[in-house]
């Protein structure tokens, strides 16, 4: 998948695709760019939305634009909650002067 401009990146976010983007953040920009998405999904058009889930995508700059190289996706809401708790516990390590 090649994206011409990451600022124009759109997840297929609608009822038909079963993906709803709730938010996004760029964690790093440069030749290797990392974007994190908060999404809800559903596998059945008549089903309920599940999530939220975290999708972490890495893009590499190539001559045509940006190439999706790797991605990590949480598959259970509990995983996102555990990650949030870990980051909260570790936030002291992120302060300046550590």
N, C-alpha and C. Protein backbone atom coordinates (compact mmCIF):
# COMPACT_ATOMS: atom_id res chain seq x y z
N UNK A 1 0.84 -1.18 0.00
CA UNK A 1 0.00 0.00 0.00
C UNK A 1 0.89 1.24 0.00
N UNK A 2 0.71 2.11 -0.98
CA UNK A 2 1.46 3.36 -1.06
C UNK A 2 0.50 4.52 -0.82
N UNK A 3 0.90 5.43 0.06
CA UNK A 3 0.13 6.64 0.36
C UNK A 3 0.98 7.81 -0.10
N UNK A 4 0.40 8.73 -0.86
CA UNK A 4 1.17 9.84 -1.40
C UNK A 4 1.52 10.87 -0.34
N UNK A 5 0.63 11.13 0.61
CA UNK A 5 0.87 12.12 1.66
C UNK A 5 0.23 11.61 2.94
N UNK A 6 1.03 11.42 3.98
CA UNK A 6 0.50 10.86 5.23
C UNK A 6 -0.53 11.77 5.90
N UNK A 7 -0.45 13.08 5.64
CA UNK A 7 -1.46 13.97 6.21
C UNK A 7 -2.83 13.73 5.59
N UNK A 8 -2.86 13.11 4.41
CA UNK A 8 -4.12 12.79 3.74
C UNK A 8 -4.54 11.34 3.96
N UNK A 9 -3.81 10.61 4.80
CA UNK A 9 -4.09 9.20 5.05
C UNK A 9 -5.49 9.05 5.64
N UNK A 10 -6.26 8.16 5.03
CA UNK A 10 -7.62 7.90 5.50
C UNK A 10 -7.79 6.40 5.68
N UNK A 11 -8.20 5.99 6.87
CA UNK A 11 -8.59 4.60 7.04
C UNK A 11 -9.98 4.45 6.43
N UNK A 12 -10.28 3.27 5.94
CA UNK A 12 -11.61 3.04 5.41
C UNK A 12 -12.57 3.05 6.58
N UNK A 13 -13.10 4.22 6.87
CA UNK A 13 -13.88 4.43 8.08
C UNK A 13 -15.34 4.67 7.74
N UNK A 14 -16.11 3.58 7.72
CA UNK A 14 -17.54 3.71 7.48
C UNK A 14 -18.24 2.43 7.90
N UNK A 15 -19.54 2.44 7.79
CA UNK A 15 -20.34 1.27 8.17
C UNK A 15 -20.00 0.04 7.35
N UNK A 16 -19.75 0.24 6.04
CA UNK A 16 -19.50 -0.90 5.17
C UNK A 16 -18.17 -1.59 5.46
N UNK A 17 -17.13 -0.81 5.77
CA UNK A 17 -15.82 -1.40 6.01
C UNK A 17 -15.72 -2.02 7.39
N UNK A 18 -16.58 -1.61 8.31
CA UNK A 18 -16.52 -2.13 9.66
C UNK A 18 -15.40 -1.51 10.48
N UNK A 19 -14.90 -0.34 10.07
CA UNK A 19 -13.84 0.36 10.79
C UNK A 19 -14.31 1.78 11.07
N UNK A 20 -14.14 2.21 12.30
CA UNK A 20 -14.45 3.59 12.65
C UNK A 20 -13.24 4.17 13.38
N UNK A 21 -12.63 5.18 12.78
CA UNK A 21 -11.47 5.83 13.39
C UNK A 21 -11.95 6.80 14.47
N UNK A 22 -11.43 6.62 15.69
CA UNK A 22 -11.79 7.49 16.82
C UNK A 22 -10.75 8.57 17.06
N UNK A 23 -9.52 8.33 16.60
CA UNK A 23 -8.44 9.29 16.79
C UNK A 23 -7.16 8.77 16.18
N UNK A 24 -6.19 9.70 16.05
CA UNK A 24 -4.86 9.32 15.54
C UNK A 24 -3.83 10.29 16.08
N UNK A 25 -2.60 9.80 16.18
CA UNK A 25 -1.45 10.61 16.57
C UNK A 25 -0.25 10.16 15.78
N UNK A 26 0.56 11.12 15.38
CA UNK A 26 1.86 10.81 14.78
C UNK A 26 2.85 10.71 15.94
N UNK A 27 3.46 9.54 16.11
CA UNK A 27 4.44 9.36 17.18
C UNK A 27 5.83 9.77 16.72
N UNK A 28 6.09 9.66 15.42
CA UNK A 28 7.38 10.06 14.85
C UNK A 28 7.14 10.42 13.40
N UNK A 29 7.86 11.44 12.93
CA UNK A 29 7.81 11.83 11.52
C UNK A 29 9.23 11.84 10.99
N UNK A 30 9.38 11.45 9.77
CA UNK A 30 10.69 11.40 9.14
C UNK A 30 10.67 10.32 8.08
N UNK A 31 11.85 9.83 7.67
CA UNK A 31 11.90 8.77 6.66
C UNK A 31 11.13 7.52 7.11
N UNK A 32 11.11 7.31 8.41
CA UNK A 32 10.29 6.26 9.01
C UNK A 32 9.30 6.97 9.92
N UNK A 33 8.04 6.86 9.61
CA UNK A 33 6.99 7.56 10.35
C UNK A 33 6.09 6.54 11.04
N UNK A 34 5.73 6.84 12.29
CA UNK A 34 4.87 5.97 13.07
C UNK A 34 3.58 6.71 13.38
N UNK A 35 2.46 6.06 13.06
CA UNK A 35 1.13 6.62 13.32
C UNK A 35 0.36 5.63 14.17
N UNK A 36 -0.29 6.15 15.21
CA UNK A 36 -1.14 5.29 16.05
C UNK A 36 -2.58 5.73 15.85
N UNK A 37 -3.45 4.75 15.65
CA UNK A 37 -4.87 4.99 15.46
C UNK A 37 -5.65 4.36 16.60
N UNK A 38 -6.70 5.00 17.02
CA UNK A 38 -7.67 4.43 17.94
C UNK A 38 -8.90 4.14 17.10
N UNK A 39 -9.32 2.89 17.05
CA UNK A 39 -10.42 2.50 16.17
C UNK A 39 -11.42 1.61 16.89
N UNK A 40 -12.61 1.55 16.32
CA UNK A 40 -13.61 0.54 16.67
C UNK A 40 -13.86 -0.27 15.41
N UNK A 41 -14.22 -1.53 15.58
CA UNK A 41 -14.47 -2.39 14.43
C UNK A 41 -15.73 -3.21 14.64
N UNK A 42 -16.24 -3.72 13.54
CA UNK A 42 -17.30 -4.73 13.61
C UNK A 42 -17.16 -5.64 12.41
N UNK A 43 -17.41 -6.91 12.64
CA UNK A 43 -17.24 -7.91 11.59
C UNK A 43 -18.53 -8.14 10.82
N UNK A 44 -19.65 -7.80 11.42
CA UNK A 44 -20.96 -8.00 10.80
C UNK A 44 -21.65 -6.65 10.65
N UNK A 45 -22.12 -6.31 9.45
CA UNK A 45 -22.78 -5.01 9.26
C UNK A 45 -23.94 -4.77 10.23
N UNK A 46 -24.58 -5.83 10.66
CA UNK A 46 -25.69 -5.70 11.60
C UNK A 46 -25.23 -5.82 13.05
N UNK A 47 -23.95 -6.13 13.26
CA UNK A 47 -23.43 -6.35 14.60
C UNK A 47 -23.10 -5.06 15.33
N UNK A 48 -22.66 -5.22 16.56
CA UNK A 48 -22.27 -4.09 17.39
C UNK A 48 -20.81 -3.73 17.15
N UNK A 49 -20.49 -2.47 17.40
CA UNK A 49 -19.09 -2.02 17.34
C UNK A 49 -18.33 -2.65 18.50
N UNK A 50 -17.10 -3.05 18.24
CA UNK A 50 -16.21 -3.61 19.26
C UNK A 50 -15.01 -2.70 19.42
N UNK A 51 -14.43 -2.70 20.59
CA UNK A 51 -13.25 -1.87 20.83
C UNK A 51 -13.49 -0.89 21.95
N UNK A 52 -12.61 0.06 22.07
CA UNK A 52 -11.63 0.53 21.10
C UNK A 52 -10.39 -0.35 21.06
N UNK A 53 -9.70 -0.28 19.92
CA UNK A 53 -8.45 -0.98 19.70
C UNK A 53 -7.39 0.01 19.26
N UNK A 54 -6.14 -0.36 19.46
CA UNK A 54 -5.01 0.46 19.05
C UNK A 54 -4.37 -0.18 17.83
N UNK A 55 -4.17 0.61 16.78
CA UNK A 55 -3.46 0.16 15.59
C UNK A 55 -2.23 1.04 15.45
N UNK A 56 -1.06 0.44 15.43
CA UNK A 56 0.21 1.15 15.30
C UNK A 56 0.80 0.82 13.93
N UNK A 57 0.95 1.81 13.07
CA UNK A 57 1.44 1.59 11.70
C UNK A 57 2.78 2.30 11.51
N UNK A 58 3.72 1.62 10.82
CA UNK A 58 5.02 2.20 10.46
C UNK A 58 5.06 2.35 8.95
N UNK A 59 5.43 3.56 8.51
CA UNK A 59 5.53 3.86 7.09
C UNK A 59 6.97 4.24 6.76
N UNK A 60 7.43 3.82 5.59
CA UNK A 60 8.76 4.17 5.10
C UNK A 60 8.60 5.07 3.88
N UNK A 61 9.41 6.14 3.83
CA UNK A 61 9.39 7.04 2.68
C UNK A 61 10.02 6.32 1.49
N UNK A 62 9.29 6.27 0.37
CA UNK A 62 9.78 5.70 -0.87
C UNK A 62 9.54 6.72 -1.98
N UNK A 63 10.06 6.48 -3.16
CA UNK A 63 9.96 7.47 -4.23
C UNK A 63 8.52 7.80 -4.61
N UNK A 64 7.61 6.87 -4.47
CA UNK A 64 6.21 7.10 -4.83
C UNK A 64 5.40 7.76 -3.71
N UNK A 65 5.93 7.81 -2.49
CA UNK A 65 5.20 8.36 -1.34
C UNK A 65 5.60 7.63 -0.07
N UNK A 66 4.62 7.03 0.58
CA UNK A 66 4.85 6.33 1.84
C UNK A 66 4.32 4.91 1.73
N UNK A 67 5.15 3.96 2.14
CA UNK A 67 4.80 2.54 2.05
C UNK A 67 4.54 2.01 3.46
N UNK A 68 3.39 1.37 3.66
CA UNK A 68 3.10 0.71 4.92
C UNK A 68 4.01 -0.51 5.05
N UNK A 69 4.87 -0.49 6.07
CA UNK A 69 5.87 -1.55 6.23
C UNK A 69 5.48 -2.54 7.31
N UNK A 70 4.92 -2.04 8.40
CA UNK A 70 4.54 -2.95 9.47
C UNK A 70 3.39 -2.35 10.27
N UNK A 71 2.70 -3.22 10.95
CA UNK A 71 1.62 -2.75 11.80
C UNK A 71 1.41 -3.71 12.97
N UNK A 72 0.96 -3.13 14.05
CA UNK A 72 0.61 -3.88 15.25
C UNK A 72 -0.81 -3.48 15.61
N UNK A 73 -1.63 -4.44 15.94
CA UNK A 73 -3.01 -4.15 16.31
C UNK A 73 -3.38 -4.91 17.57
N UNK A 74 -3.91 -4.19 18.55
CA UNK A 74 -4.46 -4.89 19.69
C UNK A 74 -5.73 -5.59 19.22
N UNK A 75 -6.04 -6.70 19.84
CA UNK A 75 -7.20 -7.50 19.42
C UNK A 75 -8.26 -7.60 20.50
N UNK A 76 -7.96 -7.08 21.67
CA UNK A 76 -8.91 -7.10 22.78
C UNK A 76 -8.82 -5.76 23.50
N UNK A 77 -9.95 -5.27 23.97
CA UNK A 77 -9.97 -4.02 24.71
C UNK A 77 -9.08 -4.10 25.94
N UNK A 78 -8.99 -5.27 26.55
CA UNK A 78 -8.15 -5.45 27.74
C UNK A 78 -6.68 -5.15 27.44
N UNK A 79 -6.22 -5.46 26.24
CA UNK A 79 -4.83 -5.17 25.88
C UNK A 79 -4.58 -3.66 25.88
N UNK A 80 -5.51 -2.89 25.36
CA UNK A 80 -5.37 -1.43 25.34
C UNK A 80 -5.38 -0.89 26.76
N UNK A 81 -6.22 -1.43 27.61
CA UNK A 81 -6.27 -1.00 29.01
C UNK A 81 -4.95 -1.33 29.72
N UNK A 82 -4.40 -2.51 29.48
CA UNK A 82 -3.12 -2.89 30.09
C UNK A 82 -1.99 -1.98 29.60
N UNK A 83 -1.99 -1.65 28.32
CA UNK A 83 -0.98 -0.73 27.77
C UNK A 83 -1.10 0.64 28.42
N UNK A 84 -2.33 1.16 28.55
CA UNK A 84 -2.54 2.46 29.18
C UNK A 84 -2.05 2.45 30.63
N UNK A 85 -2.30 1.38 31.34
CA UNK A 85 -1.83 1.27 32.72
C UNK A 85 -0.31 1.22 32.78
N UNK A 86 0.32 0.48 31.87
CA UNK A 86 1.78 0.40 31.85
C UNK A 86 2.38 1.77 31.57
N UNK A 87 1.84 2.50 30.61
CA UNK A 87 2.36 3.84 30.31
C UNK A 87 2.19 4.78 31.49
N UNK A 88 1.08 4.67 32.17
CA UNK A 88 0.86 5.49 33.37
C UNK A 88 1.89 5.14 34.45
N UNK A 89 2.14 3.86 34.67
CA UNK A 89 3.13 3.42 35.67
C UNK A 89 4.54 3.89 35.31
N UNK A 90 4.85 3.94 34.02
CA UNK A 90 6.19 4.27 33.56
C UNK A 90 6.39 5.75 33.27
N UNK A 91 5.39 6.59 33.43
CA UNK A 91 5.51 7.97 33.00
C UNK A 91 6.65 8.71 33.68
N UNK A 92 7.07 8.31 34.85
CA UNK A 92 8.20 8.95 35.53
C UNK A 92 9.50 8.77 34.76
N UNK A 93 9.60 7.73 33.96
CA UNK A 93 10.81 7.50 33.16
C UNK A 93 10.90 8.45 31.97
N UNK A 94 9.78 9.09 31.61
CA UNK A 94 9.75 9.95 30.44
C UNK A 94 10.05 11.40 30.77
N UNK A 95 10.19 11.72 32.03
CA UNK A 95 10.38 13.12 32.41
C UNK A 95 11.81 13.57 32.06
N UNK A 96 11.97 14.87 31.76
CA UNK A 96 13.29 15.39 31.43
C UNK A 96 14.29 15.17 32.58
N UNK A 97 15.52 14.93 32.22
CA UNK A 97 16.57 14.76 33.22
C UNK A 97 16.73 13.35 33.72
N UNK A 98 16.00 12.41 33.18
CA UNK A 98 16.14 11.01 33.62
C UNK A 98 17.43 10.43 33.08
